Amino acid sequence: MDSPSPMLEEHFHLPGVRPMPTTQPFTWLRQGWDDMLENPCASLPYGVVAAGGGLMLIEAAAEQPHWLGVVLSGFFLVGPIGACGVYEISRRANMGHKVTFHQSLGGLLRHTEDLLYFGLMLMMGLFIWERISAILFALLYKGGGSIPFGLLTQEFITNPDARAFTLAYLGLGSVLAWSVFCISAVSIPMLMERRVDVFTAMVTSVQAVLGNLRCMLLWATLIVVLTGIGFATHMVGMVLIFPLLGHASWRAYEDLVK
């Protein structure tokens, strides 16, 4: 049997993945903070846009728990694409360049096709979650069609139907969120720096996550906690948290992928 051609082997060649200590995510956050402080004028506008956009969506969905859940989940599903400009800042900063906000948009222009394709897949995941969310509300939640955002916690604690809904919602949502995290943990930075296809980037990301499971579980937890703080501060904290996570994610990619 003939061996695969060199071109085919090269096309499907996957880069290696480095093993990381469990606590490495704290180093990524520290390095991300340093990157943000070195380029505040380029980094913080992304936080302002994320906070402003998120606040408008929350206000629009405040009386509809179905859509509110989709908005909250959407930050985790499509946030990696929104941080492309932040990745570009870190990439250029590593080469010793000072970066302006306008220059940080260059990464999007250079890799538009691959990023658009990956973004469409993430949006498809968000659409699937919106449908699942609607079905769960229809089947399990009997508390009415709408509820003010400020009363959600009280409702979910005191209403037995709401408790059953919450367990199902969080369970299915966690499975989807973890799946998206596995394919996107390092894939978008990789697409921006290397000449690889989307499939190669996603497979490499899955390998990086599964090959450093405890480290990446901690990293995913930190992302959820920090994003939660952003929402808990009515999006004010997101001005810093969004670019911080973007810079730290680039540092994670640099450490994980050979």
Protein backbone atom coordinates (compact mmCIF):
# COMPACT_ATOMS: atom_id res chain seq x y z
CA MET A 1 0.00 0.00 0.00
CA ASP A 2 1.37 3.39 -0.94
CA SER A 3 2.17 5.74 1.94
CA PRO A 4 0.36 9.09 2.13
CA SER A 5 1.88 11.81 0.02
CA PRO A 6 4.14 14.35 1.74
CA MET A 7 1.65 17.10 0.85
CA LEU A 8 -1.18 15.22 2.59
CA GLU A 9 0.96 14.56 5.67
CA GLU A 10 1.94 18.22 5.84
CA HIS A 11 -1.66 19.39 5.42
CA PHE A 12 -2.88 17.26 8.33
CA HIS A 13 0.16 17.75 10.53
CA LEU A 14 -0.84 18.86 14.02
CA PRO A 15 1.50 20.96 16.14
CA GLY A 16 2.60 19.53 19.46
CA VAL A 17 1.04 20.48 22.77
CA ARG A 18 3.11 21.31 25.84
CA PRO A 19 2.21 20.01 29.30
CA MET A 20 1.35 22.77 31.77
CA PRO A 21 1.26 22.83 35.57
CA THR A 22 -2.21 23.02 37.07
CA THR A 23 -1.73 26.58 38.34
CA GLN A 24 -0.48 28.00 35.03
CA PRO A 25 -3.75 29.94 34.38
CA PHE A 26 -2.81 32.34 37.17
CA THR A 27 0.40 33.09 35.27
CA TRP A 28 -1.63 33.70 32.10
CA LEU A 29 -3.80 36.20 33.96
CA ARG A 30 -0.76 38.01 35.33
CA GLN A 31 0.85 38.19 31.89
CA GLY A 32 -2.47 39.28 30.37
CA TRP A 33 -2.73 42.06 32.95
CA ASP A 34 0.78 43.24 32.03
CA ASP A 35 -0.13 43.22 28.32
CA MET A 36 -3.24 45.26 29.02
CA LEU A 37 -1.34 47.82 31.09
CA GLU A 38 1.27 48.20 28.34
CA ASN A 39 -1.40 48.86 25.70
CA PRO A 40 -4.37 50.40 27.55
CA CYS A 41 -5.52 52.68 24.73
CA ALA A 42 -5.74 49.73 22.35
CA SER A 43 -7.10 47.15 24.82
CA LEU A 44 -9.74 48.99 26.83
CA PRO A 45 -11.96 49.97 23.87
CA TYR A 46 -12.71 46.27 23.41
CA GLY A 47 -13.81 46.12 27.04
CA VAL A 48 -16.01 49.19 26.58
CA VAL A 49 -17.65 47.68 23.50
CA ALA A 50 -18.19 44.33 25.24
CA ALA A 51 -19.63 46.00 28.33
CA GLY A 52 -21.86 48.37 26.39
CA GLY A 53 -23.14 45.71 24.04
CA GLY A 54 -23.73 43.27 26.87
CA LEU A 55 -25.59 45.86 28.93
CA MET A 56 -27.92 46.69 26.05
CA LEU A 57 -28.67 43.02 25.46
CA ILE A 58 -29.31 42.40 29.17
CA GLU A 59 -31.68 45.34 29.39
CA ALA A 60 -33.53 44.18 26.28
CA ALA A 61 -33.93 40.64 27.68
CA ALA A 62 -34.43 41.56 31.36
CA GLU A 63 -38.11 40.56 31.41
CA GLN A 64 -37.60 37.37 29.40
CA PRO A 65 -35.58 34.71 31.27
CA HIS A 66 -35.33 32.57 28.14
CA TRP A 67 -33.54 35.30 26.22
CA LEU A 68 -31.62 36.46 29.27
CA GLY A 69 -30.07 33.02 29.57
CA VAL A 70 -29.13 33.12 25.90
CA VAL A 71 -27.44 36.51 26.37
CA LEU A 72 -25.43 35.29 29.35
CA SER A 73 -24.42 32.10 27.54
CA GLY A 74 -23.59 34.04 24.39
CA PHE A 75 -20.66 35.74 26.08
CA PHE A 76 -19.02 32.38 26.63
CA LEU A 77 -19.86 31.05 23.17
CA VAL A 78 -18.93 33.98 20.93
CA GLY A 79 -16.59 35.88 23.25
CA PRO A 80 -13.46 34.28 21.72
CA ILE A 81 -14.30 35.83 18.34
CA GLY A 82 -14.98 39.22 19.91
CA ALA A 83 -11.50 39.18 21.44
CA CYS A 84 -9.66 38.79 18.10
CA GLY A 85 -8.42 42.37 18.27
CA VAL A 86 -7.06 41.78 21.76
CA TYR A 87 -5.17 38.73 20.50
CA GLU A 88 -3.64 40.89 17.80
CA ILE A 89 -2.46 43.39 20.41
CA SER A 90 -0.65 40.64 22.31
CA ARG A 91 0.78 39.17 19.13
CA ARG A 92 2.30 42.49 18.08
CA ALA A 93 3.38 43.36 21.61
CA ASN A 94 5.40 40.12 21.72
CA MET A 95 7.40 41.46 18.78
CA GLY A 96 8.11 44.68 20.69
CA HIS A 97 5.57 46.84 18.87
CA LYS A 98 3.33 49.45 20.44
CA VAL A 99 -0.15 48.88 19.09
CA THR A 100 -2.99 51.30 18.44
CA PHE A 101 -6.64 50.28 18.43
CA HIS A 102 -6.78 50.79 14.67
CA GLN A 103 -3.75 48.54 14.14
CA SER A 104 -5.28 45.83 16.32
CA LEU A 105 -8.05 45.45 13.75
CA GLY A 106 -5.47 44.26 11.23
CA GLY A 107 -5.65 40.70 12.51
CA LEU A 108 -9.30 40.52 11.50
CA LEU A 109 -8.54 41.75 8.00
CA ARG A 110 -5.72 39.25 7.45
CA HIS A 111 -7.72 36.20 8.50
CA THR A 112 -11.27 37.18 7.63
CA GLU A 113 -12.31 33.95 5.90
CA ASP A 114 -11.15 31.51 8.61
CA LEU A 115 -12.41 33.71 11.45
CA LEU A 116 -15.76 34.16 9.73
CA TYR A 117 -16.12 30.42 9.27
CA PHE A 118 -15.25 29.73 12.89
CA GLY A 119 -17.53 32.54 14.05
CA LEU A 120 -20.42 31.05 12.09
CA MET A 121 -19.89 27.74 13.85
CA LEU A 122 -19.98 29.47 17.24
CA MET A 123 -23.12 31.35 16.22
CA MET A 124 -24.68 28.05 15.20
CA GLY A 125 -23.88 26.73 18.66
CA LEU A 126 -25.56 29.78 20.17
CA PHE A 127 -28.63 29.25 17.99
CA ILE A 128 -28.84 25.60 19.08
CA TRP A 129 -28.59 26.68 22.70
CA GLU A 130 -31.35 29.26 22.19
CA ARG A 131 -33.65 26.53 20.88
CA ILE A 132 -32.73 24.16 23.72
CA SER A 133 -33.30 26.96 26.22
CA ALA A 134 -36.74 27.71 24.79
CA ILE A 135 -37.72 24.03 24.94
CA LEU A 136 -36.55 23.73 28.55
CA PHE A 137 -38.57 26.78 29.57
CA ALA A 138 -41.64 25.43 27.79
CA LEU A 139 -41.38 21.92 29.30
CA LEU A 140 -40.02 22.50 32.79
CA TYR A 141 -40.62 26.06 33.88
CA LYS A 142 -44.21 26.78 34.93
CA GLY A 143 -43.59 30.09 36.64
CA GLY A 144 -45.01 32.29 33.89
CA GLY A 145 -43.81 33.80 30.67
CA SER A 146 -41.62 36.49 32.20
CA ILE A 147 -39.96 37.43 35.44
CA PRO A 148 -37.90 40.50 36.37
CA PHE A 149 -34.18 39.89 36.34
CA GLY A 150 -33.81 40.90 39.99
CA LEU A 151 -36.23 38.15 41.09
CA LEU A 152 -34.68 35.27 39.16
CA THR A 153 -32.59 33.95 42.05
CA GLN A 154 -35.53 34.08 44.47
CA GLU A 155 -37.81 32.36 41.97
CA PHE A 156 -35.37 29.56 41.24
CA ILE A 157 -34.90 28.87 44.97
CA THR A 158 -38.55 28.92 46.04
CA ASN A 159 -40.33 27.46 42.99
CA PRO A 160 -40.00 23.61 42.71
CA ASP A 161 -40.59 23.78 38.94
CA ALA A 162 -37.85 26.36 38.68
CA ARG A 163 -35.44 24.14 40.59
CA ALA A 164 -36.01 21.25 38.18
CA PHE A 165 -35.58 23.61 35.27
CA THR A 166 -32.37 25.02 36.74
CA LEU A 167 -30.76 21.59 37.09
CA ALA A 168 -31.60 20.68 33.49
CA TYR A 169 -30.61 24.10 32.19
CA LEU A 170 -27.25 24.15 33.95
CA GLY A 171 -26.53 20.54 33.05
CA LEU A 172 -27.13 20.90 29.33
CA GLY A 173 -25.59 24.36 29.28
CA SER A 174 -22.42 23.07 30.92
CA VAL A 175 -22.06 20.31 28.34
CA LEU A 176 -22.41 22.81 25.49
CA ALA A 177 -20.10 25.35 27.13
CA TRP A 178 -17.41 22.74 27.75
CA SER A 179 -17.63 21.50 24.17
CA VAL A 180 -17.22 25.04 22.84
CA PHE A 181 -14.34 25.69 25.24
CA CYS A 182 -12.55 22.55 24.01
CA ILE A 183 -12.66 23.57 20.35
CA SER A 184 -11.96 27.29 20.92
CA ALA A 185 -9.45 27.45 23.81
CA VAL A 186 -6.49 28.09 21.48
CA SER A 187 -7.96 27.78 17.99
CA ILE A 188 -8.65 31.45 17.22
CA PRO A 189 -5.18 32.70 18.29
CA MET A 190 -3.74 29.83 16.26
CA LEU A 191 -5.73 30.85 13.18
CA MET A 192 -4.47 34.41 13.57
CA GLU A 193 -0.79 33.48 13.81
CA ARG A 194 -0.34 30.37 11.67
CA ARG A 195 -1.37 29.24 8.23
CA VAL A 196 -3.66 26.42 9.30
CA ASP A 197 -7.23 25.50 8.49
CA VAL A 198 -10.11 25.70 10.96
CA PHE A 199 -10.28 21.93 11.44
CA THR A 200 -6.59 21.71 12.37
CA ALA A 201 -6.96 24.58 14.82
CA MET A 202 -9.99 22.97 16.50
CA VAL A 203 -8.34 19.55 16.82
CA THR A 204 -5.23 21.16 18.27
CA SER A 205 -7.39 23.03 20.77
CA VAL A 206 -9.10 19.80 21.87
CA GLN A 207 -5.70 18.15 22.28
CA ALA A 208 -4.44 21.08 24.35
CA VAL A 209 -7.47 20.88 26.66
CA LEU A 210 -7.53 17.11 27.09
CA GLY A 211 -3.76 16.92 27.42
CA ASN A 212 -3.82 19.46 30.27
CA LEU A 213 -7.17 18.63 31.80
CA ARG A 214 -6.67 19.93 35.34
CA CYS A 215 -4.97 23.10 34.14
CA MET A 216 -7.69 23.80 31.57
CA LEU A 217 -10.50 23.01 34.02
CA LEU A 218 -9.04 25.70 36.27
CA TRP A 219 -8.73 28.06 33.31
CA ALA A 220 -12.35 27.48 32.29
CA THR A 221 -13.45 28.05 35.90
CA LEU A 222 -11.53 31.33 36.09
CA ILE A 223 -13.12 32.50 32.84
CA VAL A 224 -16.60 31.74 34.21
CA VAL A 225 -15.90 33.40 37.56
CA LEU A 226 -14.40 36.56 36.06
CA THR A 227 -17.16 36.83 33.49
CA GLY A 228 -19.67 36.38 36.29
CA ILE A 229 -18.04 39.26 38.16
CA GLY A 230 -18.44 41.35 35.03
CA PHE A 231 -22.16 40.64 34.93
CA ALA A 232 -22.53 41.07 38.70
CA THR A 233 -21.10 44.60 38.45
CA HIS A 234 -23.73 45.47 35.83
CA MET A 235 -21.03 45.15 33.14
CA VAL A 236 -18.78 47.86 34.62
CA GLY A 237 -16.15 45.29 35.53
CA MET A 238 -16.29 43.87 32.00
CA VAL A 239 -14.40 46.93 30.75
CA LEU A 240 -11.27 45.41 32.35
CA ILE A 241 -12.21 41.74 32.44
CA PHE A 242 -12.90 41.29 28.72
CA PRO A 243 -9.50 42.53 27.46
CA LEU A 244 -7.76 40.82 30.40
CA LEU A 245 -9.19 37.46 29.41
CA GLY A 246 -8.33 38.12 25.77
CA HIS A 247 -4.68 38.85 26.53
CA ALA A 248 -4.48 35.90 28.94
CA SER A 249 -5.98 33.60 26.30
CA TRP A 250 -3.23 34.58 23.88
CA ARG A 251 -0.65 33.78 26.55
CA ALA A 252 -2.35 30.40 27.07
CA TYR A 253 -2.05 29.67 23.35
CA GLU A 254 1.64 30.59 23.33
CA ASP A 255 2.38 28.27 26.23
CA LEU A 256 0.25 25.34 25.10
CA VAL A 257 0.97 25.06 21.37
CA LYS A 258 4.48 24.31 20.13
